């Protein structure tokens, strides 16, 4: 599976962005999809995950109530809608695909994922 993230950019605090991650291959719907982020000088951290059909999601506390993960299996794409953005959301955002078989909350761990896309930069100005 090859993943291509897009949609990052510069936005003012309080604004919104929607990230997209397009996947190659016919087996997209068999994967749990996740979003992670990494700010300069910090470790990569979990943002959100979604199961194969969108029926289950899991969010980091920092994302709850502001971010929404969704997927369109017909388009082989997963999205991250980010609202009420804060300067501390500034980071490179990465999408990832992992095999099914675990409870969705366990996909907050990077090791659950087998494939990673390149990052898309999100910068939130104050």
C-alpha atoms as a PDB file:
ATOM      1  CA  UNK A   1       0.000   0.000   0.000  1.00  0.00           C
ATOM      2  CA  UNK A   2       1.314   3.416  -0.930  1.00  0.00           C
ATOM      3  CA  UNK A   3      -0.063   6.441   0.887  1.00  0.00           C
ATOM      4  CA  UNK A   4      -0.049  10.048  -0.276  1.00  0.00           C
ATOM      5  CA  UNK A   5      -1.056  12.732   2.207  1.00  0.00           C
ATOM      6  CA  UNK A   6      -2.110  16.219   1.154  1.00  0.00           C
ATOM      7  CA  UNK A   7      -4.066  19.227   2.328  1.00  0.00           C
ATOM      8  CA  UNK A   8      -1.653  20.821   4.729  1.00  0.00           C
ATOM      9  CA  UNK A   9      -0.956  24.520   4.771  1.00  0.00           C
ATOM     10  CA  UNK A  10      -0.794  27.710   6.772  1.00  0.00           C
ATOM     11  CA  UNK A  11      -3.889  28.711   8.713  1.00  0.00           C
ATOM     12  CA  UNK A  12      -4.678  31.157  11.475  1.00  0.00           C
ATOM     13  CA  UNK A  13      -5.623  29.955  14.934  1.00  0.00           C
ATOM     14  CA  UNK A  14      -9.295  29.047  15.023  1.00  0.00           C
ATOM     15  CA  UNK A  15      -9.313  28.068  11.378  1.00  0.00           C
ATOM     16  CA  UNK A  16      -9.877  24.720   9.704  1.00  0.00           C
ATOM     17  CA  UNK A  17      -8.087  22.362   7.361  1.00  0.00           C
ATOM     18  CA  UNK A  18      -8.979  19.016   5.841  1.00  0.00           C
ATOM     19  CA  UNK A  19      -6.188  16.573   5.246  1.00  0.00           C
ATOM     20  CA  UNK A  20      -6.534  13.766   2.744  1.00  0.00           C
ATOM     21  CA  UNK A  21      -4.597  10.560   2.367  1.00  0.00           C
ATOM     22  CA  UNK A  22      -4.997   8.645  -0.871  1.00  0.00           C
ATOM     23  CA  UNK A  23      -4.031   4.984  -0.926  1.00  0.00           C
ATOM     24  CA  UNK A  24      -3.029   2.799  -3.807  1.00  0.00           C
ATOM     25  CA  UNK A  25      -4.106  -0.799  -4.155  1.00  0.00           C
ATOM     26  CA  UNK A  26      -7.351  -2.707  -3.992  1.00  0.00           C
ATOM     27  CA  UNK A  27      -7.174  -3.661  -0.341  1.00  0.00           C
ATOM     28  CA  UNK A  28      -7.639  -0.223   1.203  1.00  0.00           C
ATOM     29  CA  UNK A  29     -10.865  -1.231   2.918  1.00  0.00           C
ATOM     30  CA  UNK A  30      -9.100  -4.019   4.777  1.00  0.00           C
ATOM     31  CA  UNK A  31      -6.861  -1.615   6.694  1.00  0.00           C
ATOM     32  CA  UNK A  32      -7.283   0.417   9.806  1.00  0.00           C
ATOM     33  CA  UNK A  33      -6.172   3.942   8.971  1.00  0.00           C
ATOM     34  CA  UNK A  34      -4.561   6.401  11.311  1.00  0.00           C
ATOM     35  CA  UNK A  35      -3.176   9.909  11.478  1.00  0.00           C
ATOM     36  CA  UNK A  36      -0.102  10.862  13.469  1.00  0.00           C
ATOM     37  CA  UNK A  37       1.785  14.121  13.764  1.00  0.00           C
ATOM     38  CA  UNK A  38       5.292  15.213  14.611  1.00  0.00           C
ATOM     39  CA  UNK A  39       6.386  18.669  15.633  1.00  0.00           C
ATOM     40  CA  UNK A  40      10.027  19.755  15.411  1.00  0.00           C
ATOM     41  CA  UNK A  41      12.042  18.331  18.280  1.00  0.00           C
ATOM     42  CA  UNK A  42       9.179  16.160  19.466  1.00  0.00           C
ATOM     43  CA  UNK A  43       8.245  12.528  19.086  1.00  0.00           C
ATOM     44  CA  UNK A  44       5.595  11.382  16.655  1.00  0.00           C
ATOM     45  CA  UNK A  45       2.227  11.308  18.361  1.00  0.00           C
ATOM     46  CA  UNK A  46      -1.090   9.699  17.617  1.00  0.00           C
ATOM     47  CA  UNK A  47      -3.997  11.842  16.437  1.00  0.00           C
ATOM     48  CA  UNK A  48      -6.843   9.587  15.267  1.00  0.00           C
ATOM     49  CA  UNK A  49      -7.684   6.158  13.895  1.00  0.00           C
ATOM     50  CA  UNK A  50     -10.619   4.641  12.024  1.00  0.00           C
ATOM     51  CA  UNK A  51     -11.568   1.034  11.401  1.00  0.00           C
ATOM     52  CA  UNK A  52     -12.184  -0.531   8.016  1.00  0.00           C
ATOM     53  CA  UNK A  53     -15.762   0.671   7.513  1.00  0.00           C
ATOM     54  CA  UNK A  54     -15.706   3.859   9.557  1.00  0.00           C
ATOM     55  CA  UNK A  55     -17.837   2.359  12.278  1.00  0.00           C
ATOM     56  CA  UNK A  56     -15.232   2.797  14.976  1.00  0.00           C
ATOM     57  CA  UNK A  57     -12.919   5.708  15.628  1.00  0.00           C
ATOM     58  CA  UNK A  58     -10.422   6.655  18.300  1.00  0.00           C
ATOM     59  CA  UNK A  59      -8.913  10.043  19.054  1.00  0.00           C
ATOM     60  CA  UNK A  60      -6.110  11.465  21.073  1.00  0.00           C
ATOM     61  CA  UNK A  61      -7.354  13.703  23.865  1.00  0.00           C
ATOM     62  CA  UNK A  62      -5.861  16.688  22.055  1.00  0.00           C
ATOM     63  CA  UNK A  63      -8.025  15.926  19.013  1.00  0.00           C
ATOM     64  CA  UNK A  64     -11.346  15.083  20.630  1.00  0.00           C
ATOM     65  CA  UNK A  65     -14.092  17.537  19.807  1.00  0.00           C
ATOM     66  CA  UNK A  66     -12.013  19.367  17.202  1.00  0.00           C
ATOM     67  CA  UNK A  67     -10.846  16.750  14.695  1.00  0.00           C
ATOM     68  CA  UNK A  68     -12.867  14.191  12.768  1.00  0.00           C
ATOM     69  CA  UNK A  69     -11.434  11.205  10.947  1.00  0.00           C
ATOM     70  CA  UNK A  70     -13.428   9.649   8.126  1.00  0.00           C
ATOM     71  CA  UNK A  71     -12.859   7.438   5.115  1.00  0.00           C
ATOM     72  CA  UNK A  72     -14.286   6.791   1.690  1.00  0.00           C
ATOM     73  CA  UNK A  73     -13.416   3.256   0.651  1.00  0.00           C
ATOM     74  CA  UNK A  74     -14.736   3.839  -2.848  1.00  0.00           C
ATOM     75  CA  UNK A  75     -12.100   6.543  -3.261  1.00  0.00           C
ATOM     76  CA  UNK A  76      -9.372   4.790  -1.266  1.00  0.00           C
ATOM     77  CA  UNK A  77      -9.058   7.907   0.827  1.00  0.00           C
ATOM     78  CA  UNK A  78      -9.007   8.770   4.504  1.00  0.00           C
ATOM     79  CA  UNK A  79      -9.611  12.300   5.746  1.00  0.00           C
ATOM     80  CA  UNK A  80      -8.843  14.340   8.813  1.00  0.00           C
ATOM     81  CA  UNK A  81     -11.077  17.361   9.277  1.00  0.00           C
ATOM     82  CA  UNK A  82      -9.408  19.736  11.703  1.00  0.00           C
ATOM     83  CA  UNK A  83     -11.385  22.588  13.223  1.00  0.00           C
ATOM     84  CA  UNK A  84     -10.585  25.187  15.869  1.00  0.00           C
ATOM     85  CA  UNK A  85      -6.912  24.817  15.124  1.00  0.00           C
ATOM     86  CA  UNK A  86      -4.365  25.966  17.685  1.00  0.00           C
ATOM     87  CA  UNK A  87      -0.701  26.905  17.296  1.00  0.00           C
ATOM     88  CA  UNK A  88       0.195  23.720  19.172  1.00  0.00           C
ATOM     89  CA  UNK A  89      -1.342  21.715  16.318  1.00  0.00           C
ATOM     90  CA  UNK A  90       1.560  22.825  14.133  1.00  0.00           C
ATOM     91  CA  UNK A  91       3.325  19.682  12.914  1.00  0.00           C
ATOM     92  CA  UNK A  92       3.912  17.399   9.997  1.00  0.00           C
ATOM     93  CA  UNK A  93       0.916  15.087   9.725  1.00  0.00           C
ATOM     94  CA  UNK A  94       1.314  11.493   8.580  1.00  0.00           C
ATOM     95  CA  UNK A  95      -1.247   8.932   7.541  1.00  0.00           C
ATOM     96  CA  UNK A  96      -0.691   5.240   8.158  1.00  0.00           C
ATOM     97  CA  UNK A  97      -2.315   1.885   7.377  1.00  0.00           C
ATOM     98  CA  UNK A  98      -2.386  -1.098   9.686  1.00  0.00           C
ATOM     99  CA  UNK A  99      -3.803  -4.587   9.615  1.00  0.00           C
ATOM    100  CA  UNK A 100      -7.091  -5.283  11.357  1.00  0.00           C
ATOM    101  CA  UNK A 101      -7.555  -7.527  14.337  1.00  0.00           C
ATOM    102  CA  UNK A 102      -7.184  -5.316  17.363  1.00  0.00           C
ATOM    103  CA  UNK A 103      -9.474  -2.995  19.246  1.00  0.00           C
ATOM    104  CA  UNK A 104      -9.443   0.458  17.731  1.00  0.00           C
ATOM    105  CA  UNK A 105      -7.913   2.090  20.799  1.00  0.00           C
ATOM    106  CA  UNK A 106      -4.780  -0.007  20.358  1.00  0.00           C
ATOM    107  CA  UNK A 107      -4.098   1.751  17.082  1.00  0.00           C
ATOM    108  CA  UNK A 108      -2.785   4.742  18.984  1.00  0.00           C
ATOM    109  CA  UNK A 109       0.563   2.964  18.875  1.00  0.00           C
ATOM    110  CA  UNK A 110       2.727   3.559  15.818  1.00  0.00           C
ATOM    111  CA  UNK A 111       3.840  -0.056  15.846  1.00  0.00           C
ATOM    112  CA  UNK A 112       0.355  -1.190  14.846  1.00  0.00           C
ATOM    113  CA  UNK A 113       0.870   0.302  11.385  1.00  0.00           C
ATOM    114  CA  UNK A 114       2.647  -1.283   8.461  1.00  0.00           C
ATOM    115  CA  UNK A 115       2.594   1.507   5.906  1.00  0.00           C
ATOM    116  CA  UNK A 116       3.241   5.212   6.201  1.00  0.00           C
ATOM    117  CA  UNK A 117       2.770   8.142   3.894  1.00  0.00           C
ATOM    118  CA  UNK A 118       4.975  11.170   3.636  1.00  0.00           C
ATOM    119  CA  UNK A 119       4.069  14.057   5.888  1.00  0.00           C
ATOM    120  CA  UNK A 120       1.994  17.076   5.026  1.00  0.00           C
ATOM    121  CA  UNK A 121       2.877  20.220   6.950  1.00  0.00           C
ATOM    122  CA  UNK A 122       0.272  22.053   8.990  1.00  0.00           C
ATOM    123  CA  UNK A 123       1.239  25.433  10.402  1.00  0.00           C
ATOM    124  CA  UNK A 124      -1.124  27.329  12.655  1.00  0.00           C
ATOM    125  CA  UNK A 125      -0.287  30.953  13.309  1.00  0.00           C
ATOM    126  CA  UNK A 126      -1.369  32.784  16.437  1.00  0.00           C
END
